[in-house]
PDB file of N, CA and C in Angstrom:
ATOM      1  N   MET A   1       0.847  -1.178   0.000  1.00  0.00           N
ATOM      2  CA  MET A   1       0.000   0.000   0.000  1.00  0.00           C
ATOM      3  C   MET A   1       0.889   1.236   0.000  1.00  0.00           C
ATOM      4  N   LYS A   2       0.515   2.220  -0.797  1.00  0.00           N
ATOM      5  CA  LYS A   2       1.262   3.464  -0.906  1.00  0.00           C
ATOM      6  C   LYS A   2       0.568   4.536  -0.061  1.00  0.00           C
ATOM      7  N   ILE A   3       1.310   5.097   0.907  1.00  0.00           N
ATOM      8  CA  ILE A   3       0.751   6.042   1.869  1.00  0.00           C
ATOM      9  C   ILE A   3       1.456   7.387   1.753  1.00  0.00           C
ATOM     10  N   LEU A   4       0.686   8.470   1.803  1.00  0.00           N
ATOM     11  CA  LEU A   4       1.220   9.819   1.903  1.00  0.00           C
ATOM     12  C   LEU A   4       1.013  10.293   3.334  1.00  0.00           C
ATOM     13  N   ILE A   5       2.093  10.714   3.981  1.00  0.00           N
ATOM     14  CA  ILE A   5       2.012  11.232   5.347  1.00  0.00           C
ATOM     15  C   ILE A   5       2.434  12.695   5.319  1.00  0.00           C
ATOM     16  N   THR A   6       1.540  13.583   5.763  1.00  0.00           N
ATOM     17  CA  THR A   6       1.885  15.000   5.879  1.00  0.00           C
ATOM     18  C   THR A   6       2.419  15.240   7.286  1.00  0.00           C
ATOM     19  N   GLY A   7       3.209  16.291   7.442  1.00  0.00           N
ATOM     20  CA  GLY A   7       3.771  16.592   8.752  1.00  0.00           C
ATOM     21  C   GLY A   7       4.862  15.621   9.158  1.00  0.00           C
ATOM     22  N   ALA A   8       5.614  15.142   8.194  1.00  0.00           N
ATOM     23  CA  ALA A   8       6.622  14.112   8.443  1.00  0.00           C
ATOM     24  C   ALA A   8       7.789  14.592   9.300  1.00  0.00           C
ATOM     25  N   SER A   9       7.989  15.903   9.420  1.00  0.00           N
ATOM     26  CA  SER A   9       9.091  16.403  10.236  1.00  0.00           C
ATOM     27  C   SER A   9       8.708  16.538  11.704  1.00  0.00           C
ATOM     28  N   GLY A  10       7.428  16.411  12.017  1.00  0.00           N
ATOM     29  CA  GLY A  10       6.977  16.507  13.405  1.00  0.00           C
ATOM     30  C   GLY A  10       7.243  15.219  14.173  1.00  0.00           C
ATOM     31  N   PHE A  11       7.070  15.275  15.479  1.00  0.00           N
ATOM     32  CA  PHE A  11       7.339  14.124  16.336  1.00  0.00           C
ATOM     33  C   PHE A  11       6.483  12.918  15.941  1.00  0.00           C
ATOM     34  N   ILE A  12       5.190  13.108  15.842  1.00  0.00           N
ATOM     35  CA  ILE A  12       4.280  12.008  15.496  1.00  0.00           C
ATOM     36  C   ILE A  12       4.476  11.582  14.044  1.00  0.00           C
ATOM     37  N   GLY A  13       4.602  12.551  13.139  1.00  0.00           N
ATOM     38  CA  GLY A  13       4.785  12.242  11.723  1.00  0.00           C
ATOM     39  C   GLY A  13       6.025  11.413  11.456  1.00  0.00           C
ATOM     40  N   GLN A  14       7.122  11.778  12.089  1.00  0.00           N
ATOM     41  CA  GLN A  14       8.370  11.034  11.900  1.00  0.00           C
ATOM     42  C   GLN A  14       8.246   9.605  12.411  1.00  0.00           C
ATOM     43  N   LYS A  15       7.663   9.442  13.586  1.00  0.00           N
ATOM     44  CA  LYS A  15       7.473   8.098  14.151  1.00  0.00           C
ATOM     45  C   LYS A  15       6.538   7.262  13.277  1.00  0.00           C
ATOM     46  N   ALA A  16       5.476   7.876  12.760  1.00  0.00           N
ATOM     47  CA  ALA A  16       4.530   7.154  11.895  1.00  0.00           C
ATOM     48  C   ALA A  16       5.204   6.706  10.605  1.00  0.00           C
ATOM     49  N   CYS A  17       6.007   7.587   9.999  1.00  0.00           N
ATOM     50  CA  CYS A  17       6.717   7.239   8.765  1.00  0.00           C
ATOM     51  C   CYS A  17       7.628   6.031   8.978  1.00  0.00           C
ATOM     52  N   ILE A  18       8.407   6.084  10.021  1.00  0.00           N
ATOM     53  CA  ILE A  18       9.360   5.007  10.299  1.00  0.00           C
ATOM     54  C   ILE A  18       8.639   3.706  10.619  1.00  0.00           C
ATOM     55  N   TYR A  19       7.617   3.772  11.468  1.00  0.00           N
ATOM     56  CA  TYR A  19       6.883   2.559  11.853  1.00  0.00           C
ATOM     57  C   TYR A  19       6.217   1.906  10.645  1.00  0.00           C
ATOM     58  N   LEU A  20       5.474   2.694   9.874  1.00  0.00           N
ATOM     59  CA  LEU A  20       4.753   2.127   8.727  1.00  0.00           C
ATOM     60  C   LEU A  20       5.712   1.615   7.660  1.00  0.00           C
ATOM     61  N   ASN A  21       6.839   2.278   7.488  1.00  0.00           N
ATOM     62  CA  ASN A  21       7.862   1.812   6.556  1.00  0.00           C
ATOM     63  C   ASN A  21       8.438   0.471   7.028  1.00  0.00           C
ATOM     64  N   ASN A  22       8.695   0.359   8.311  1.00  0.00           N
ATOM     65  CA  ASN A  22       9.263  -0.879   8.875  1.00  0.00           C
ATOM     66  C   ASN A  22       8.339  -2.086   8.736  1.00  0.00           C
ATOM     67  N   ILE A  23       7.033  -1.849   8.697  1.00  0.00           N
ATOM     68  CA  ILE A  23       6.115  -2.984   8.569  1.00  0.00           C
ATOM     69  C   ILE A  23       5.682  -3.225   7.119  1.00  0.00           C
ATOM     70  N   GLY A  24       6.361  -2.516   6.181  1.00  0.00           N
ATOM     71  CA  GLY A  24       6.190  -2.878   4.782  1.00  0.00           C
ATOM     72  C   GLY A  24       5.417  -1.940   3.882  1.00  0.00           C
ATOM     73  N   TYR A  25       4.971  -0.797   4.381  1.00  0.00           N
ATOM     74  CA  TYR A  25       4.239   0.136   3.527  1.00  0.00           C
ATOM     75  C   TYR A  25       5.206   1.035   2.766  1.00  0.00           C
ATOM     76  N   GLU A  26       4.803   1.453   1.573  1.00  0.00           N
ATOM     77  CA  GLU A  26       5.579   2.404   0.785  1.00  0.00           C
ATOM     78  C   GLU A  26       5.166   3.805   1.233  1.00  0.00           C
ATOM     79  N   ILE A  27       6.108   4.553   1.790  1.00  0.00           N
ATOM     80  CA  ILE A  27       5.799   5.842   2.398  1.00  0.00           C
ATOM     81  C   ILE A  27       6.300   6.997   1.543  1.00  0.00           C
ATOM     82  N   ASN A  28       5.414   7.971   1.345  1.00  0.00           N
ATOM     83  CA  ASN A  28       5.738   9.258   0.756  1.00  0.00           C
ATOM     84  C   ASN A  28       5.542  10.274   1.876  1.00  0.00           C
ATOM     85  N   ALA A  29       6.620  10.888   2.318  1.00  0.00           N
ATOM     86  CA  ALA A  29       6.581  11.787   3.466  1.00  0.00           C
ATOM     87  C   ALA A  29       6.664  13.233   3.015  1.00  0.00           C
ATOM     88  N   HIS A  30       5.671  14.039   3.381  1.00  0.00           N
ATOM     89  CA  HIS A  30       5.683  15.455   3.020  1.00  0.00           C
ATOM     90  C   HIS A  30       6.061  16.294   4.227  1.00  0.00           C
ATOM     91  N   CYS A  31       7.005  17.217   4.004  1.00  0.00           N
ATOM     92  CA  CYS A  31       7.361  18.170   5.059  1.00  0.00           C
ATOM     93  C   CYS A  31       7.807  19.471   4.425  1.00  0.00           C
ATOM     94  N   ARG A  32       7.775  20.548   5.209  1.00  0.00           N
ATOM     95  CA  ARG A  32       8.214  21.855   4.726  1.00  0.00           C
ATOM     96  C   ARG A  32       9.659  22.129   5.099  1.00  0.00           C
ATOM     97  N   SER A  33      10.187  21.392   6.053  1.00  0.00           N
ATOM     98  CA  SER A  33      11.555  21.636   6.513  1.00  0.00           C
ATOM     99  C   SER A  33      12.350  20.332   6.503  1.00  0.00           C
ATOM    100  N   PHE A  34      13.467  20.333   7.152  1.00  0.00           N
ATOM    101  CA  PHE A  34      14.342  19.165   7.203  1.00  0.00           C
ATOM    102  C   PHE A  34      13.643  17.970   7.839  1.00  0.00           C
ATOM    103  N   CYS A  35      13.811  16.803   7.240  1.00  0.00           N
ATOM    104  CA  CYS A  35      13.288  15.544   7.787  1.00  0.00           C
ATOM    105  C   CYS A  35      14.430  14.541   7.858  1.00  0.00           C
ATOM    106  N   ASN A  36      14.611  13.946   8.987  1.00  0.00           N
ATOM    107  CA  ASN A  36      15.637  12.922   9.153  1.00  0.00           C
ATOM    108  C   ASN A  36      14.955  11.559   9.098  1.00  0.00           C
ATOM    109  N   LEU A  37      14.781  11.064   7.879  1.00  0.00           N
ATOM    110  CA  LEU A  37      14.075   9.805   7.673  1.00  0.00           C
ATOM    111  C   LEU A  37      14.975   8.830   6.918  1.00  0.00           C
ATOM    112  N   PRO A  38      14.698   7.526   7.036  1.00  0.00           N
ATOM    113  CA  PRO A  38      15.485   6.539   6.290  1.00  0.00           C
ATOM    114  C   PRO A  38      15.443   6.808   4.784  1.00  0.00           C
ATOM    115  N   SER A  39      16.494   6.418   4.093  1.00  0.00           N
ATOM    116  CA  SER A  39      16.626   6.723   2.667  1.00  0.00           C
ATOM    117  C   SER A  39      15.589   6.031   1.783  1.00  0.00           C
ATOM    118  N   ASN A  40      14.959   4.970   2.264  1.00  0.00           N
ATOM    119  CA  ASN A  40      13.960   4.288   1.439  1.00  0.00           C
ATOM    120  C   ASN A  40      12.565   4.910   1.562  1.00  0.00           C
ATOM    121  N   ILE A  41      12.446   6.003   2.303  1.00  0.00           N
ATOM    122  CA  ILE A  41      11.190   6.758   2.375  1.00  0.00           C
ATOM    123  C   ILE A  41      11.298   7.907   1.386  1.00  0.00           C
ATOM    124  N   ASN A  42      10.299   8.039   0.516  1.00  0.00           N
ATOM    125  CA  ASN A  42      10.281   9.092  -0.496  1.00  0.00           C
ATOM    126  C   ASN A  42       9.928  10.423   0.166  1.00  0.00           C
ATOM    127  N   LEU A  43      10.891  11.330   0.235  1.00  0.00           N
ATOM    128  CA  LEU A  43      10.695  12.623   0.881  1.00  0.00           C
ATOM    129  C   LEU A  43      10.207  13.652  -0.138  1.00  0.00           C
ATOM    130  N   LEU A  44       9.091  14.280   0.170  1.00  0.00           N
ATOM    131  CA  LEU A  44       8.496  15.314  -0.679  1.00  0.00           C
ATOM    132  C   LEU A  44       8.554  16.624   0.091  1.00  0.00           C
ATOM    133  N   LYS A  45       9.507  17.455  -0.234  1.00  0.00           N
ATOM    134  CA  LYS A  45       9.727  18.686   0.508  1.00  0.00           C
ATOM    135  C   LYS A  45       9.184  19.864  -0.289  1.00  0.00           C
ATOM    136  N   SER A  46       8.230  20.588   0.283  1.00  0.00           N
ATOM    137  CA  SER A  46       7.667  21.777  -0.358  1.00  0.00           C
ATOM    138  C   SER A  46       6.927  22.590   0.696  1.00  0.00           C
ATOM    139  N   GLU A  47       6.654  23.837   0.362  1.00  0.00           N
ATOM    140  CA  GLU A  47       5.946  24.724   1.283  1.00  0.00           C
ATOM    141  C   GLU A  47       4.459  24.380   1.416  1.00  0.00           C
ATOM    142  N   SER A  48       3.922  23.714   0.408  1.00  0.00           N
ATOM    143  CA  SER A  48       2.490  23.477   0.391  1.00  0.00           C
ATOM    144  C   SER A  48       2.162  22.133  -0.255  1.00  0.00           C
ATOM    145  N   LEU A  49       1.054  21.567   0.135  1.00  0.00           N
ATOM    146  CA  LEU A  49       0.586  20.335  -0.496  1.00  0.00           C
ATOM    147  C   LEU A  49       0.123  20.583  -1.924  1.00  0.00           C
ATOM    148  N   ASP A  50      -0.109  21.847  -2.282  1.00  0.00           N
ATOM    149  CA  ASP A  50      -0.469  22.175  -3.666  1.00  0.00           C
ATOM    150  C   ASP A  50       0.572  21.638  -4.632  1.00  0.00           C
ATOM    151  N   TYR A  51       1.824  21.646  -4.216  1.00  0.00           N
ATOM    152  CA  TYR A  51       2.926  21.158  -5.048  1.00  0.00           C
ATOM    153  C   TYR A  51       2.689  19.708  -5.457  1.00  0.00           C
ATOM    154  N   ILE A  52       2.173  18.918  -4.547  1.00  0.00           N
ATOM    155  CA  ILE A  52       1.944  17.496  -4.808  1.00  0.00           C
ATOM    156  C   ILE A  52       0.699  17.272  -5.657  1.00  0.00           C
ATOM    157  N   PHE A  53      -0.359  17.991  -5.349  1.00  0.00           N
ATOM    158  CA  PHE A  53      -1.635  17.724  -5.985  1.00  0.00           C
ATOM    159  C   PHE A  53      -1.929  18.597  -7.209  1.00  0.00           C
ATOM    160  N   SER A  54      -1.056  19.551  -7.523  1.00  0.00           N
ATOM    161  CA  SER A  54      -1.304  20.447  -8.658  1.00  0.00           C
ATOM    162  C   SER A  54      -0.817  19.884  -9.982  1.00  0.00           C
ATOM    163  N   GLY A  55      -0.053  18.819  -9.943  1.00  0.00           N
ATOM    164  CA  GLY A  55       0.442  18.238 -11.170  1.00  0.00           C
ATOM    165  C   GLY A  55       1.890  18.569 -11.460  1.00  0.00           C
ATOM    166  N   LYS A  56       2.504  19.454 -10.657  1.00  0.00           N
ATOM    167  CA  LYS A  56       3.909  19.785 -10.867  1.00  0.00           C
ATOM    168  C   LYS A  56       4.800  18.590 -10.547  1.00  0.00           C
ATOM    169  N   LYS A  57       4.442  17.874  -9.539  1.00  0.00           N
ATOM    170  CA  LYS A  57       5.134  16.618  -9.192  1.00  0.00           C
ATOM    171  C   LYS A  57       4.068  15.667  -8.643  1.00  0.00           C
ATOM    172  N   PRO A  58       3.253  15.127  -9.515  1.00  0.00           N
ATOM    173  CA  PRO A  58       2.118  14.323  -9.040  1.00  0.00           C
ATOM    174  C   PRO A  58       2.562  13.010  -8.388  1.00  0.00           C
ATOM    175  N   ILE A  59       1.808  12.628  -7.424  1.00  0.00           N
ATOM    176  CA  ILE A  59       2.015  11.353  -6.759  1.00  0.00           C
ATOM    177  C   ILE A  59       0.945  10.416  -7.282  1.00  0.00           C
ATOM    178  N   LYS A  60       1.359   9.296  -7.791  1.00  0.00           N
ATOM    179  CA  LYS A  60       0.407   8.358  -8.380  1.00  0.00           C
ATOM    180  C   LYS A  60       0.151   7.184  -7.441  1.00  0.00           C
ATOM    181  N   ASP A  61      -1.047   6.677  -7.511  1.00  0.00           N
ATOM    182  CA  ASP A  61      -1.454   5.456  -6.821  1.00  0.00           C
ATOM    183  C   ASP A  61      -1.440   5.559  -5.297  1.00  0.00           C
ATOM    184  N   ILE A  62      -1.605   6.750  -4.748  1.00  0.00           N
ATOM    185  CA  ILE A  62      -1.717   6.893  -3.295  1.00  0.00           C
ATOM    186  C   ILE A  62      -3.028   6.245  -2.865  1.00  0.00           C
ATOM    187  N   GLU A  63      -2.950   5.350  -1.912  1.00  0.00           N
ATOM    188  CA  GLU A  63      -4.148   4.662  -1.428  1.00  0.00           C
ATOM    189  C   GLU A  63      -4.639   5.217  -0.100  1.00  0.00           C
ATOM    190  N   CYS A  64      -3.752   5.925   0.599  1.00  0.00           N
ATOM    191  CA  CYS A  64      -4.113   6.422   1.925  1.00  0.00           C
ATOM    192  C   CYS A  64      -3.335   7.704   2.209  1.00  0.00           C
ATOM    193  N   VAL A  65      -4.006   8.696   2.803  1.00  0.00           N
ATOM    194  CA  VAL A  65      -3.342   9.913   3.259  1.00  0.00           C
ATOM    195  C   VAL A  65      -3.528   9.998   4.762  1.00  0.00           C
ATOM    196  N   ILE A  66      -2.420  10.163   5.470  1.00  0.00           N
ATOM    197  CA  ILE A  66      -2.463  10.361   6.920  1.00  0.00           C
ATOM    198  C   ILE A  66      -2.004  11.790   7.161  1.00  0.00           C
ATOM    199  N   HIS A  67      -2.937  12.640   7.564  1.00  0.00           N
ATOM    200  CA  HIS A  67      -2.654  14.065   7.714  1.00  0.00           C
ATOM    201  C   HIS A  67      -2.242  14.359   9.156  1.00  0.00           C
ATOM    202  N   LEU A  68      -0.947  14.588   9.352  1.00  0.00           N
ATOM    203  CA  LEU A  68      -0.410  14.859  10.681  1.00  0.00           C
ATOM    204  C   LEU A  68       0.202  16.245  10.782  1.00  0.00           C
ATOM    205  N   ALA A  69       0.084  17.035   9.728  1.00  0.00           N
ATOM    206  CA  ALA A  69       0.614  18.400   9.754  1.00  0.00           C
ATOM    207  C   ALA A  69      -0.313  19.272  10.584  1.00  0.00           C
ATOM    208  N   GLY A  70       0.280  20.185  11.286  1.00  0.00           N
ATOM    209  CA  GLY A  70      -0.516  21.097  12.092  1.00  0.00           C
ATOM    210  C   GLY A  70       0.246  22.368  12.372  1.00  0.00           C
ATOM    211  N   LYS A  71      -0.445  23.339  12.841  1.00  0.00           N
ATOM    212  CA  LYS A  71       0.166  24.613  13.181  1.00  0.00           C
ATOM    213  C   LYS A  71       0.763  24.491  14.576  1.00  0.00           C
ATOM    214  N   ALA A  72       2.076  24.554  14.648  1.00  0.00           N
ATOM    215  CA  ALA A  72       2.751  24.366  15.936  1.00  0.00           C
ATOM    216  C   ALA A  72       2.798  25.636  16.765  1.00  0.00           C
ATOM    217  N   GLN A  73       3.058  26.755  16.106  1.00  0.00           N
ATOM    218  CA  GLN A  73       3.117  28.023  16.827  1.00  0.00           C
ATOM    219  C   GLN A  73       2.905  29.169  15.860  1.00  0.00           C
ATOM    220  N   GLU A  74       2.528  30.294  16.415  1.00  0.00           N
ATOM    221  CA  GLU A  74       2.344  31.479  15.600  1.00  0.00           C
ATOM    222  C   GLU A  74       3.283  32.548  16.116  1.00  0.00           C
ATOM    223  N   ILE A  75       4.054  33.102  15.221  1.00  0.00           N
ATOM    224  CA  ILE A  75       4.986  34.166  15.590  1.00  0.00           C
ATOM    225  C   ILE A  75       4.313  35.498  15.316  1.00  0.00           C
ATOM    226  N   LYS A  76       4.146  36.281  16.368  1.00  0.00           N
ATOM    227  CA  LYS A  76       3.498  37.598  16.215  1.00  0.00           C
ATOM    228  C   LYS A  76       4.552  38.668  16.049  1.00  0.00           C
ATOM    229  N   LYS A  77       4.258  39.582  15.167  1.00  0.00           N
ATOM    230  CA  LYS A  77       5.197  40.684  14.909  1.00  0.00           C
ATOM    231  C   LYS A  77       4.810  41.909  15.707  1.00  0.00           C
TER     232      LYS A  77
END
């Protein structure tokens, strides 16, 4: 099964990517910043999910999306 995980650089996202990869799933990990993941996980680095779904770099045959991205903090000016 091919899975897309958003928020792969976060604590939960990183653990989910590694766990699901270890039990045999094909993982596509999306993050906006640095991700320290095993080399057999497909890392999709971009500012927005639009990059993935707009056709610029389409992901084919995704069977499941696990959305773990969230707003961690807001910096006020």
